Amino acid sequence: SRNKASVYLAIIDIDSVIVTQSPSNVPVIGSTTEYNITCVVSVSCTGPCNDTITISWSLNGNSINSATNTESNNSPFAVSNSGTFTSTLTTVGDITLSHAGQYKCTASLITAGIQHSNTIDFDVKLPAPLITVTNDTVTDDSTATLVCLSSISDISVSFVYQWTGPDNVAISEETDGTLFISTMGVDDAGQYMCTSTASYTGSEVDSEYVIDSMNTASVYLAIIDIDSVIV
């Protein structure tokens, strides 16, 4: 007599790893809006599958499972059937330069030894500079002080400020953003524009993922000719 035995070979695979950002707009540094980066992993399974899938994250090649500026749910998931498994990174606190970069989601089937990954770029924008003036209406022959500053207080970013006058001619280029006009004349009335240009230092900043490194803001100065005032 012949004895027969059979075994059913289970087939398991990672079909896709899809990474998305929500909201999809580019956040401005300092924004308090909460952003999510979600990784959805699709697994196909035929037969008596028994495996475990892990989903891990990295930012610019560095593990962020314990990052202070994000929270994630990336615990191991038991796999017995076909299905999808999701892990989401959520920003914590205000958006900063440290959030910018390329996020990589890696899904691994432990027993099968299968691993797939995908990435998404998370860009951030620098805010426009803020302009303050001693008085936006000054008299002829008086002085005026205009200060242009970025709202970012990050030691890894420095700014140069270029002032342009009403005639579109560059006036000064300063690192502190202050424009002092000692003697105002009626011809000095008009729109003054400040352009801030950022430069970056430090290994934690990747300017590739920073949008609007050059920003502008403007203010209108009105001049009162004291010779034309009748009492």
C-alpha atoms as a PDB file:
ATOM      1  CA  SER A   1       0.000   0.000   0.000  1.00  0.00           C
ATOM      2  CA  ARG A   2       1.062   3.554  -0.597  1.00  0.00           C
ATOM      3  CA  ASN A   3       0.819   6.351   1.887  1.00  0.00           C
ATOM      4  CA  LYS A   4       0.348   9.897   0.680  1.00  0.00           C
ATOM      5  CA  ALA A   5       0.895  13.133   2.514  1.00  0.00           C
ATOM      6  CA  SER A   6       0.354  16.665   1.347  1.00  0.00           C
ATOM      7  CA  VAL A   7       1.146  20.126   2.546  1.00  0.00           C
ATOM      8  CA  TYR A   8      -0.408  23.421   1.559  1.00  0.00           C
ATOM      9  CA  LEU A   9       2.178  26.073   0.845  1.00  0.00           C
ATOM     10  CA  ALA A  10       1.087  29.461   2.041  1.00  0.00           C
ATOM     11  CA  ILE A  11       1.891  32.424  -0.173  1.00  0.00           C
ATOM     12  CA  ILE A  12       2.231  35.840   1.401  1.00  0.00           C
ATOM     13  CA  ASP A  13       3.529  39.066  -0.050  1.00  0.00           C
ATOM     14  CA  ILE A  14       3.486  42.844   0.372  1.00  0.00           C
ATOM     15  CA  ASP A  15       1.612  44.197  -2.618  1.00  0.00           C
ATOM     16  CA  SER A  16       2.024  47.924  -2.046  1.00  0.00           C
ATOM     17  CA  VAL A  17       3.259  50.598   0.345  1.00  0.00           C
ATOM     18  CA  ILE A  18       1.507  53.948  -0.157  1.00  0.00           C
ATOM     19  CA  VAL A  19       2.496  57.090   1.765  1.00  0.00           C
ATOM     20  CA  THR A  20       0.283  60.214   1.831  1.00  0.00           C
ATOM     21  CA  GLN A  21       0.197  63.584   3.588  1.00  0.00           C
ATOM     22  CA  SER A  22      -2.872  65.251   5.098  1.00  0.00           C
ATOM     23  CA  PRO A  23      -3.594  68.127   4.753  1.00  0.00           C
ATOM     24  CA  SER A  24      -1.841  68.119   1.392  1.00  0.00           C
ATOM     25  CA  ASN A  25      -0.866  71.799   1.381  1.00  0.00           C
ATOM     26  CA  VAL A  26       2.655  72.935   2.238  1.00  0.00           C
ATOM     27  CA  PRO A  27       2.702  74.129   5.871  1.00  0.00           C
ATOM     28  CA  VAL A  28       4.182  77.461   6.940  1.00  0.00           C
ATOM     29  CA  ILE A  29       6.741  77.292   9.726  1.00  0.00           C
ATOM     30  CA  GLY A  30       5.025  78.283  12.950  1.00  0.00           C
ATOM     31  CA  SER A  31       1.670  76.836  11.888  1.00  0.00           C
ATOM     32  CA  THR A  32      -0.255  75.087  14.664  1.00  0.00           C
ATOM     33  CA  THR A  33      -2.139  72.871  12.205  1.00  0.00           C
ATOM     34  CA  GLU A  34      -1.669  69.159  12.844  1.00  0.00           C
ATOM     35  CA  TYR A  35      -0.279  67.213   9.870  1.00  0.00           C
ATOM     36  CA  ASN A  36      -0.448  63.471   9.316  1.00  0.00           C
ATOM     37  CA  ILE A  37       1.822  61.305   7.178  1.00  0.00           C
ATOM     38  CA  THR A  38       0.116  57.970   6.660  1.00  0.00           C
ATOM     39  CA  CYS A  39       1.529  54.708   5.359  1.00  0.00           C
ATOM     40  CA  VAL A  40      -0.928  52.071   4.108  1.00  0.00           C
ATOM     41  CA  VAL A  41       0.509  48.607   3.481  1.00  0.00           C
ATOM     42  CA  SER A  42      -1.440  46.039   1.442  1.00  0.00           C
ATOM     43  CA  VAL A  43      -0.666  42.365   2.084  1.00  0.00           C
ATOM     44  CA  SER A  44      -1.918  39.407   0.061  1.00  0.00           C
ATOM     45  CA  CYS A  45      -2.145  36.000   1.668  1.00  0.00           C
ATOM     46  CA  THR A  46      -3.275  32.604   0.387  1.00  0.00           C
ATOM     47  CA  GLY A  47      -3.291  29.579   2.604  1.00  0.00           C
ATOM     48  CA  PRO A  48      -2.748  29.310   6.357  1.00  0.00           C
ATOM     49  CA  CYS A  49      -0.688  32.453   6.712  1.00  0.00           C
ATOM     50  CA  ASN A  50       0.846  33.211  10.070  1.00  0.00           C
ATOM     51  CA  ASP A  51       3.205  36.146  10.082  1.00  0.00           C
ATOM     52  CA  THR A  52       3.894  39.485  11.696  1.00  0.00           C
ATOM     53  CA  ILE A  53       4.289  42.788   9.886  1.00  0.00           C
ATOM     54  CA  THR A  54       6.147  45.773  11.294  1.00  0.00           C
ATOM     55  CA  ILE A  55       5.986  49.314   9.945  1.00  0.00           C
ATOM     56  CA  SER A  56       8.865  51.652  10.740  1.00  0.00           C
ATOM     57  CA  TRP A  57       9.681  55.234   9.795  1.00  0.00           C
ATOM     58  CA  SER A  58      12.777  57.260   9.026  1.00  0.00           C
ATOM     59  CA  LEU A  59      13.396  60.925   8.204  1.00  0.00           C
ATOM     60  CA  ASN A  60      16.303  61.640   5.879  1.00  0.00           C
ATOM     61  CA  GLY A  61      17.710  58.219   6.731  1.00  0.00           C
ATOM     62  CA  ASN A  62      17.398  58.588  10.506  1.00  0.00           C
ATOM     63  CA  SER A  63      14.941  56.548  12.541  1.00  0.00           C
ATOM     64  CA  ILE A  64      12.095  58.639  13.947  1.00  0.00           C
ATOM     65  CA  ASN A  65      10.215  55.987  15.888  1.00  0.00           C
ATOM     66  CA  SER A  66      11.052  57.951  19.030  1.00  0.00           C
ATOM     67  CA  ALA A  67      11.216  61.447  17.542  1.00  0.00           C
ATOM     68  CA  THR A  68      10.100  64.307  19.756  1.00  0.00           C
ATOM     69  CA  ASN A  69       8.316  66.211  16.984  1.00  0.00           C
ATOM     70  CA  THR A  70       6.108  63.345  15.803  1.00  0.00           C
ATOM     71  CA  GLU A  71       3.948  60.616  17.245  1.00  0.00           C
ATOM     72  CA  SER A  72       3.350  57.304  15.492  1.00  0.00           C
ATOM     73  CA  ASN A  73       1.464  54.054  15.778  1.00  0.00           C
ATOM     74  CA  ASN A  74       3.839  51.456  14.406  1.00  0.00           C
ATOM     75  CA  SER A  75       3.340  48.451  16.660  1.00  0.00           C
ATOM     76  CA  PRO A  76       3.680  44.963  15.079  1.00  0.00           C
ATOM     77  CA  PHE A  77       0.531  43.607  13.442  1.00  0.00           C
ATOM     78  CA  ALA A  78      -0.415  39.923  13.280  1.00  0.00           C
ATOM     79  CA  VAL A  79      -1.086  38.748   9.706  1.00  0.00           C
ATOM     80  CA  SER A  80      -3.375  35.782   9.052  1.00  0.00           C
ATOM     81  CA  ASN A  81      -5.310  36.991   6.024  1.00  0.00           C
ATOM     82  CA  SER A  82      -5.034  39.460   3.172  1.00  0.00           C
ATOM     83  CA  GLY A  83      -5.619  43.040   4.262  1.00  0.00           C
ATOM     84  CA  THR A  84      -4.244  46.507   4.839  1.00  0.00           C
ATOM     85  CA  PHE A  85      -2.203  47.794   7.739  1.00  0.00           C
ATOM     86  CA  THR A  86      -1.768  51.461   8.572  1.00  0.00           C
ATOM     87  CA  SER A  87       0.746  53.554  10.481  1.00  0.00           C
ATOM     88  CA  THR A  88       0.444  57.322  10.856  1.00  0.00           C
ATOM     89  CA  LEU A  89       2.955  59.961  11.909  1.00  0.00           C
ATOM     90  CA  THR A  90       1.397  63.031  13.502  1.00  0.00           C
ATOM     91  CA  THR A  91       3.237  66.311  13.990  1.00  0.00           C
ATOM     92  CA  VAL A  92       3.522  67.546  17.550  1.00  0.00           C
ATOM     93  CA  GLY A  93       3.505  71.258  18.354  1.00  0.00           C
ATOM     94  CA  ASP A  94       4.204  74.054  15.886  1.00  0.00           C
ATOM     95  CA  ILE A  95       5.621  73.227  12.462  1.00  0.00           C
ATOM     96  CA  THR A  96       9.402  73.736  12.493  1.00  0.00           C
ATOM     97  CA  LEU A  97      12.333  73.191  10.156  1.00  0.00           C
ATOM     98  CA  SER A  98      12.955  69.851  11.849  1.00  0.00           C
ATOM     99  CA  HIS A  99       9.710  68.502  10.338  1.00  0.00           C
ATOM    100  CA  ALA A 100      10.979  69.017   6.771  1.00  0.00           C
ATOM    101  CA  GLY A 101      12.550  66.232   4.755  1.00  0.00           C
ATOM    102  CA  GLN A 102      11.960  62.874   3.132  1.00  0.00           C
ATOM    103  CA  TYR A 103       9.927  60.424   5.181  1.00  0.00           C
ATOM    104  CA  LYS A 104      10.380  56.738   4.462  1.00  0.00           C
ATOM    105  CA  CYS A 105       7.930  54.029   5.477  1.00  0.00           C
ATOM    106  CA  THR A 106       9.293  50.491   5.593  1.00  0.00           C
ATOM    107  CA  ALA A 107       7.025  47.444   5.925  1.00  0.00           C
ATOM    108  CA  SER A 108       8.532  44.089   6.880  1.00  0.00           C
ATOM    109  CA  LEU A 109       7.037  40.586   7.032  1.00  0.00           C
ATOM    110  CA  ILE A 110       9.126  38.989   9.773  1.00  0.00           C
ATOM    111  CA  THR A 111       8.705  35.280   9.009  1.00  0.00           C
ATOM    112  CA  ALA A 112       8.614  35.567   5.233  1.00  0.00           C
ATOM    113  CA  GLY A 113      11.597  37.921   5.228  1.00  0.00           C
ATOM    114  CA  ILE A 114       9.913  40.320   2.799  1.00  0.00           C
ATOM    115  CA  GLN A 115      10.433  44.064   2.985  1.00  0.00           C
ATOM    116  CA  HIS A 116       9.080  46.948   0.919  1.00  0.00           C
ATOM    117  CA  SER A 117       9.244  50.713   1.399  1.00  0.00           C
ATOM    118  CA  ASN A 118       8.106  54.008  -0.066  1.00  0.00           C
ATOM    119  CA  THR A 119       8.851  57.678   0.577  1.00  0.00           C
ATOM    120  CA  ILE A 120       7.198  61.094   0.591  1.00  0.00           C
ATOM    121  CA  ASP A 121       8.726  64.572   0.686  1.00  0.00           C
ATOM    122  CA  PHE A 122       7.386  66.854   3.415  1.00  0.00           C
ATOM    123  CA  ASP A 123       8.122  70.467   2.451  1.00  0.00           C
ATOM    124  CA  VAL A 124       7.724  73.542   4.648  1.00  0.00           C
ATOM    125  CA  LYS A 125       7.524  77.250   3.802  1.00  0.00           C
ATOM    126  CA  LEU A 126       9.219  80.178   5.449  1.00  0.00           C
ATOM    127  CA  PRO A 127       6.813  82.933   6.504  1.00  0.00           C
ATOM    128  CA  ALA A 128       7.056  86.434   5.044  1.00  0.00           C
ATOM    129  CA  PRO A 129       9.062  88.905   7.153  1.00  0.00           C
ATOM    130  CA  LEU A 130       7.335  91.392   9.454  1.00  0.00           C
ATOM    131  CA  ILE A 131       7.820  95.143   9.037  1.00  0.00           C
ATOM    132  CA  THR A 132       7.454  97.676  11.823  1.00  0.00           C
ATOM    133  CA  VAL A 133       7.878 101.442  11.426  1.00  0.00           C
ATOM    134  CA  THR A 134       8.145 104.294  13.901  1.00  0.00           C
ATOM    135  CA  ASN A 135       5.294 106.014  12.058  1.00  0.00           C
ATOM    136  CA  ASP A 136       3.886 105.288   8.620  1.00  0.00           C
ATOM    137  CA  THR A 137       3.151 109.016   8.156  1.00  0.00           C
ATOM    138  CA  VAL A 138       6.051 111.398   8.734  1.00  0.00           C
ATOM    139  CA  THR A 139       6.707 115.057   8.085  1.00  0.00           C
ATOM    140  CA  ASP A 140       9.160 116.577   5.683  1.00  0.00           C
ATOM    141  CA  ASP A 141      12.747 116.757   7.075  1.00  0.00           C
ATOM    142  CA  SER A 142      11.976 114.249   9.840  1.00  0.00           C
ATOM    143  CA  THR A 143      13.495 110.791  10.363  1.00  0.00           C
ATOM    144  CA  ALA A 144      12.015 107.346   9.837  1.00  0.00           C
ATOM    145  CA  THR A 145      13.067 103.922  11.051  1.00  0.00           C
ATOM    146  CA  LEU A 146      11.819 100.753   9.355  1.00  0.00           C
ATOM    147  CA  VAL A 147      12.586  97.341  10.818  1.00  0.00           C
ATOM    148  CA  CYS A 148      12.191  94.126   8.833  1.00  0.00           C
ATOM    149  CA  LEU A 149      12.549  90.848  10.714  1.00  0.00           C
ATOM    150  CA  SER A 150      11.660  87.219  10.243  1.00  0.00           C
ATOM    151  CA  SER A 151       9.385  85.595  12.802  1.00  0.00           C
ATOM    152  CA  ILE A 152      11.627  82.510  12.873  1.00  0.00           C
ATOM    153  CA  SER A 153      13.883  82.166  15.893  1.00  0.00           C
ATOM    154  CA  ASP A 154      15.984  79.201  14.824  1.00  0.00           C
ATOM    155  CA  ILE A 155      19.762  79.303  15.284  1.00  0.00           C
ATOM    156  CA  SER A 156      20.217  77.159  12.158  1.00  0.00           C
ATOM    157  CA  VAL A 157      18.716  79.904   9.946  1.00  0.00           C
ATOM    158  CA  SER A 158      20.161  83.347   9.302  1.00  0.00           C
ATOM    159  CA  PHE A 159      18.752  86.147   7.164  1.00  0.00           C
ATOM    160  CA  VAL A 160      19.961  89.006   5.016  1.00  0.00           C
ATOM    161  CA  TYR A 161      17.457  91.827   4.426  1.00  0.00           C
ATOM    162  CA  GLN A 162      17.442  93.942   1.279  1.00  0.00           C
ATOM    163  CA  TRP A 163      15.486  97.204   1.287  1.00  0.00           C
ATOM    164  CA  THR A 164      14.135  98.715  -1.928  1.00  0.00           C
ATOM    165  CA  GLY A 165      12.749 102.250  -2.124  1.00  0.00           C
ATOM    166  CA  PRO A 166       9.816 103.781  -4.031  1.00  0.00           C
ATOM    167  CA  ASP A 167      11.956 104.099  -7.175  1.00  0.00           C
ATOM    168  CA  ASN A 168      12.720 100.341  -7.074  1.00  0.00           C
ATOM    169  CA  VAL A 169      16.368 101.059  -6.331  1.00  0.00           C
ATOM    170  CA  ALA A 170      18.102  98.977  -3.666  1.00  0.00           C
ATOM    171  CA  ILE A 171      18.774 101.062  -0.570  1.00  0.00           C
ATOM    172  CA  SER A 172      20.621  98.820   1.842  1.00  0.00           C
ATOM    173  CA  GLU A 173      21.417  95.239   2.667  1.00  0.00           C
ATOM    174  CA  GLU A 174      21.540  94.478   6.365  1.00  0.00           C
ATOM    175  CA  THR A 175      21.589  91.448   8.631  1.00  0.00           C
ATOM    176  CA  ASP A 176      19.461  93.138  11.293  1.00  0.00           C
ATOM    177  CA  GLY A 177      16.818  94.403   8.838  1.00  0.00           C
ATOM    178  CA  THR A 178      16.851  98.013  10.068  1.00  0.00           C
ATOM    179  CA  LEU A 179      16.540 100.895   7.602  1.00  0.00           C
ATOM    180  CA  PHE A 180      17.102 104.375   9.048  1.00  0.00           C
ATOM    181  CA  ILE A 181      16.307 107.406   6.904  1.00  0.00           C
ATOM    182  CA  SER A 182      17.803 110.505   8.510  1.00  0.00           C
ATOM    183  CA  THR A 183      16.066 113.222   6.487  1.00  0.00           C
ATOM    184  CA  MET A 184      12.777 112.436   4.792  1.00  0.00           C
ATOM    185  CA  GLY A 185      11.667 114.490   1.794  1.00  0.00           C
ATOM    186  CA  VAL A 186       8.441 114.530  -0.171  1.00  0.00           C
ATOM    187  CA  ASP A 187      10.176 112.506  -2.882  1.00  0.00           C
ATOM    188  CA  ASP A 188      10.750 109.713  -0.350  1.00  0.00           C
ATOM    189  CA  ALA A 189       7.041 108.942  -0.052  1.00  0.00           C
ATOM    190  CA  GLY A 190       5.900 105.613  -1.464  1.00  0.00           C
ATOM    191  CA  GLN A 191       6.226 101.858  -1.150  1.00  0.00           C
ATOM    192  CA  TYR A 192       9.211 100.390   0.667  1.00  0.00           C
ATOM    193  CA  MET A 193       9.862  96.694   0.138  1.00  0.00           C
ATOM    194  CA  CYS A 194      11.957  94.362   2.255  1.00  0.00           C
ATOM    195  CA  THR A 195      13.267  91.086   0.842  1.00  0.00           C
ATOM    196  CA  SER A 196      14.532  88.497   3.312  1.00  0.00           C
ATOM    197  CA  THR A 197      16.874  85.769   2.091  1.00  0.00           C
ATOM    198  CA  ALA A 198      17.544  82.774   4.308  1.00  0.00           C
ATOM    199  CA  SER A 199      20.680  80.699   4.589  1.00  0.00           C
ATOM    200  CA  TYR A 200      21.012  77.492   6.555  1.00  0.00           C
ATOM    201  CA  THR A 201      23.622  75.959   8.810  1.00  0.00           C
ATOM    202  CA  GLY A 202      23.698  72.691  10.691  1.00  0.00           C
ATOM    203  CA  SER A 203      23.200  69.079   9.658  1.00  0.00           C
ATOM    204  CA  GLU A 204      19.560  69.015  10.757  1.00  0.00           C
ATOM    205  CA  VAL A 205      18.429  71.477   8.078  1.00  0.00           C
ATOM    206  CA  ASP A 206      17.988  70.349   4.479  1.00  0.00           C
ATOM    207  CA  SER A 207      17.109  73.412   2.409  1.00  0.00           C
ATOM    208  CA  GLU A 208      15.943  71.109  -0.413  1.00  0.00           C
ATOM    209  CA  TYR A 209      12.671  70.756   1.482  1.00  0.00           C
ATOM    210  CA  VAL A 210      12.259  74.448   2.389  1.00  0.00           C
ATOM    211  CA  ILE A 211      10.143  76.559   0.042  1.00  0.00           C
ATOM    212  CA  ASP A 212      10.301  80.356  -0.216  1.00  0.00           C
ATOM    213  CA  SER A 213      13.783  80.912   1.179  1.00  0.00           C
ATOM    214  CA  MET A 214      13.324  84.420  -0.266  1.00  0.00           C
ATOM    215  CA  ASN A 215      10.278  86.388   0.907  1.00  0.00           C
ATOM    216  CA  THR A 216       9.081  89.962   0.589  1.00  0.00           C
ATOM    217  CA  ALA A 217       6.958  92.393   2.573  1.00  0.00           C
ATOM    218  CA  SER A 218       6.196  96.046   1.969  1.00  0.00           C
ATOM    219  CA  VAL A 219       4.934  99.166   3.698  1.00  0.00           C
ATOM    220  CA  TYR A 220       3.777 102.546   2.386  1.00  0.00           C
ATOM    221  CA  LEU A 221       5.261 105.717   3.861  1.00  0.00           C
ATOM    222  CA  ALA A 222       3.332 108.965   3.470  1.00  0.00           C
ATOM    223  CA  ILE A 223       5.170 112.286   3.774  1.00  0.00           C
ATOM    224  CA  ILE A 224       3.497 115.482   4.948  1.00  0.00           C
ATOM    225  CA  ASP A 225       5.082 118.612   3.517  1.00  0.00           C
ATOM    226  CA  ILE A 226       5.065 121.017   6.479  1.00  0.00           C
ATOM    227  CA  ASP A 227       5.399 124.017   4.103  1.00  0.00           C
ATOM    228  CA  SER A 228       1.911 123.278   2.793  1.00  0.00           C
ATOM    229  CA  VAL A 229       0.211 123.224   6.184  1.00  0.00           C
ATOM    230  CA  ILE A 230      -1.894 126.369   6.775  1.00  0.00           C
ATOM    231  CA  VAL A 231      -2.789 127.305  10.329  1.00  0.00           C
END
